Amino acid sequence: MSGQEKSMTKIVKPLSRGQITIPIEFRKKLRIGSNTILNLVLKGNKIEITPAVVREFNEEELREYTDKEIEQFLQDDKIDKNTARTIKKLLAEGKL
């Protein structure tokens, strides 16, 4: 197995409310502690669990938008009358 890590397999049983215990070996390997945030992804019939990367909130990255910018956002978000009419028709026909 050159370049590949050895797989570890454990069988766990969900509790009545769907909770599972991640085996200690897995938690140590992935450095999962009691405060670790996990990212769950459903891929076909498998659940992929990985520690999430959580960034700290940085107020300096925020900025205030001007009234003009907000108005432009609202205008850009509107749909034309033809599209609105088509959507209403499809909704009435139960096709959306």
C-alpha atoms as a PDB file:
ATOM      1  CA  MET A   1       0.000   0.000   0.000  1.00  0.00           C
ATOM      2  CA  SER A   2       2.518   2.609  -0.979  1.00  0.00           C
ATOM      3  CA  GLY A   3       1.197   6.155  -0.681  1.00  0.00           C
ATOM      4  CA  GLN A   4      -2.162   5.007   0.696  1.00  0.00           C
ATOM      5  CA  GLU A   5      -3.275   4.991   4.297  1.00  0.00           C
ATOM      6  CA  LYS A   6      -4.527   1.811   5.895  1.00  0.00           C
ATOM      7  CA  SER A   7      -8.327   1.687   6.139  1.00  0.00           C
ATOM      8  CA  MET A   8     -10.007   1.304   9.505  1.00  0.00           C
ATOM      9  CA  THR A   9     -13.467  -0.214   9.787  1.00  0.00           C
ATOM     10  CA  LYS A  10     -15.821  -0.275  12.758  1.00  0.00           C
ATOM     11  CA  ILE A  11     -19.477  -1.213  12.965  1.00  0.00           C
ATOM     12  CA  VAL A  12     -21.651   1.022  15.123  1.00  0.00           C
ATOM     13  CA  LYS A  13     -25.333   0.963  15.977  1.00  0.00           C
ATOM     14  CA  PRO A  14     -27.358   4.180  15.929  1.00  0.00           C
ATOM     15  CA  LEU A  15     -29.225   5.076  19.100  1.00  0.00           C
ATOM     16  CA  SER A  16     -33.000   5.539  19.025  1.00  0.00           C
ATOM     17  CA  ARG A  17     -32.690   9.192  17.960  1.00  0.00           C
ATOM     18  CA  GLY A  18     -30.129   8.502  15.224  1.00  0.00           C
ATOM     19  CA  GLN A  19     -27.008   9.350  17.216  1.00  0.00           C
ATOM     20  CA  ILE A  20     -23.856   7.322  16.671  1.00  0.00           C
ATOM     21  CA  THR A  21     -20.590   7.141  18.570  1.00  0.00           C
ATOM     22  CA  ILE A  22     -17.472   7.760  16.518  1.00  0.00           C
ATOM     23  CA  PRO A  23     -14.885   5.214  17.705  1.00  0.00           C
ATOM     24  CA  ILE A  24     -11.995   6.658  19.717  1.00  0.00           C
ATOM     25  CA  GLU A  25      -9.421   5.499  17.134  1.00  0.00           C
ATOM     26  CA  PHE A  26     -11.215   7.526  14.453  1.00  0.00           C
ATOM     27  CA  ARG A  27     -11.539  10.574  16.711  1.00  0.00           C
ATOM     28  CA  LYS A  28      -7.832  10.468  17.570  1.00  0.00           C
ATOM     29  CA  LYS A  29      -6.794  10.040  13.934  1.00  0.00           C
ATOM     30  CA  LEU A  30      -8.969  12.966  12.800  1.00  0.00           C
ATOM     31  CA  ARG A  31      -8.340  15.029  15.960  1.00  0.00           C
ATOM     32  CA  ILE A  32     -12.056  15.210  16.710  1.00  0.00           C
ATOM     33  CA  GLY A  33     -12.784  16.644  20.144  1.00  0.00           C
ATOM     34  CA  SER A  34     -15.980  17.578  21.952  1.00  0.00           C
ATOM     35  CA  ASN A  35     -15.961  21.041  20.333  1.00  0.00           C
ATOM     36  CA  THR A  36     -15.181  19.879  16.792  1.00  0.00           C
ATOM     37  CA  ILE A  37     -17.744  20.845  14.154  1.00  0.00           C
ATOM     38  CA  LEU A  38     -18.363  18.051  11.662  1.00  0.00           C
ATOM     39  CA  ASN A  39     -19.400  18.259   8.018  1.00  0.00           C
ATOM     40  CA  LEU A  40     -21.711  15.443   6.852  1.00  0.00           C
ATOM     41  CA  VAL A  41     -22.195  14.700   3.148  1.00  0.00           C
ATOM     42  CA  LEU A  42     -24.598  12.093   1.795  1.00  0.00           C
ATOM     43  CA  LYS A  43     -22.993  10.427  -1.249  1.00  0.00           C
ATOM     44  CA  GLY A  44     -25.273   7.800  -2.725  1.00  0.00           C
ATOM     45  CA  ASN A  45     -25.822   5.337   0.104  1.00  0.00           C
ATOM     46  CA  LYS A  46     -22.826   6.514   2.171  1.00  0.00           C
ATOM     47  CA  ILE A  47     -22.330   9.262   4.738  1.00  0.00           C
ATOM     48  CA  GLU A  48     -18.988  11.047   4.571  1.00  0.00           C
ATOM     49  CA  ILE A  49     -18.018  12.740   7.848  1.00  0.00           C
ATOM     50  CA  THR A  50     -15.111  15.180   7.989  1.00  0.00           C
ATOM     51  CA  PRO A  51     -14.029  17.822  10.482  1.00  0.00           C
ATOM     52  CA  ALA A  52     -15.280  21.185   9.208  1.00  0.00           C
ATOM     53  CA  VAL A  53     -13.008  24.146   8.724  1.00  0.00           C
ATOM     54  CA  VAL A  54     -14.608  26.989  10.661  1.00  0.00           C
ATOM     55  CA  ARG A  55     -13.314  30.497  10.197  1.00  0.00           C
ATOM     56  CA  GLU A  56     -13.524  33.067  12.927  1.00  0.00           C
ATOM     57  CA  PHE A  57     -15.836  35.998  12.254  1.00  0.00           C
ATOM     58  CA  ASN A  58     -13.800  38.970  11.088  1.00  0.00           C
ATOM     59  CA  GLU A  59     -15.651  42.273  11.255  1.00  0.00           C
ATOM     60  CA  GLU A  60     -13.027  43.920   9.052  1.00  0.00           C
ATOM     61  CA  GLU A  61     -14.190  41.756   6.117  1.00  0.00           C
ATOM     62  CA  LEU A  62     -17.655  43.303   6.283  1.00  0.00           C
ATOM     63  CA  ARG A  63     -18.642  46.499   4.584  1.00  0.00           C
ATOM     64  CA  GLU A  64     -21.768  48.592   4.409  1.00  0.00           C
ATOM     65  CA  TYR A  65     -23.603  48.943   1.123  1.00  0.00           C
ATOM     66  CA  THR A  66     -24.860  52.280  -0.113  1.00  0.00           C
ATOM     67  CA  ASP A  67     -28.550  52.836  -0.824  1.00  0.00           C
ATOM     68  CA  LYS A  68     -27.663  52.984  -4.522  1.00  0.00           C
ATOM     69  CA  GLU A  69     -25.932  49.564  -4.372  1.00  0.00           C
ATOM     70  CA  ILE A  70     -28.900  48.046  -2.536  1.00  0.00           C
ATOM     71  CA  GLU A  71     -31.301  49.467  -5.113  1.00  0.00           C
ATOM     72  CA  GLN A  72     -29.157  47.972  -7.888  1.00  0.00           C
ATOM     73  CA  PHE A  73     -29.187  44.557  -6.164  1.00  0.00           C
ATOM     74  CA  LEU A  74     -32.984  44.707  -5.996  1.00  0.00           C
ATOM     75  CA  GLN A  75     -33.262  45.702  -9.662  1.00  0.00           C
ATOM     76  CA  ASP A  76     -30.878  42.929 -10.746  1.00  0.00           C
ATOM     77  CA  ASP A  77     -32.973  40.430  -8.787  1.00  0.00           C
ATOM     78  CA  LYS A  78     -36.213  41.171 -10.682  1.00  0.00           C
ATOM     79  CA  ILE A  79     -37.467  38.968 -13.505  1.00  0.00           C
ATOM     80  CA  ASP A  80     -38.988  40.296 -16.706  1.00  0.00           C
ATOM     81  CA  LYS A  81     -42.755  40.218 -17.320  1.00  0.00           C
ATOM     82  CA  ASN A  82     -42.575  37.370 -19.869  1.00  0.00           C
ATOM     83  CA  THR A  83     -40.718  35.131 -17.431  1.00  0.00           C
ATOM     84  CA  ALA A  84     -43.147  36.021 -14.628  1.00  0.00           C
ATOM     85  CA  ARG A  85     -46.121  35.229 -16.880  1.00  0.00           C
ATOM     86  CA  THR A  86     -44.606  31.866 -17.901  1.00  0.00           C
ATOM     87  CA  ILE A  87     -43.899  30.937 -14.282  1.00  0.00           C
ATOM     88  CA  LYS A  88     -47.454  31.836 -13.211  1.00  0.00           C
ATOM     89  CA  LYS A  89     -48.853  29.695 -16.034  1.00  0.00           C
ATOM     90  CA  LEU A  90     -46.654  26.706 -15.129  1.00  0.00           C
ATOM     91  CA  LEU A  91     -47.589  27.052 -11.451  1.00  0.00           C
ATOM     92  CA  ALA A  92     -51.297  27.158 -12.330  1.00  0.00           C
ATOM     93  CA  GLU A  93     -50.868  24.004 -14.431  1.00  0.00           C
ATOM     94  CA  GLY A  94     -49.043  22.265 -11.570  1.00  0.00           C
ATOM     95  CA  LYS A  95     -45.859  21.909 -13.618  1.00  0.00           C
ATOM     96  CA  LEU A  96     -43.686  23.728 -11.081  1.00  0.00           C
END
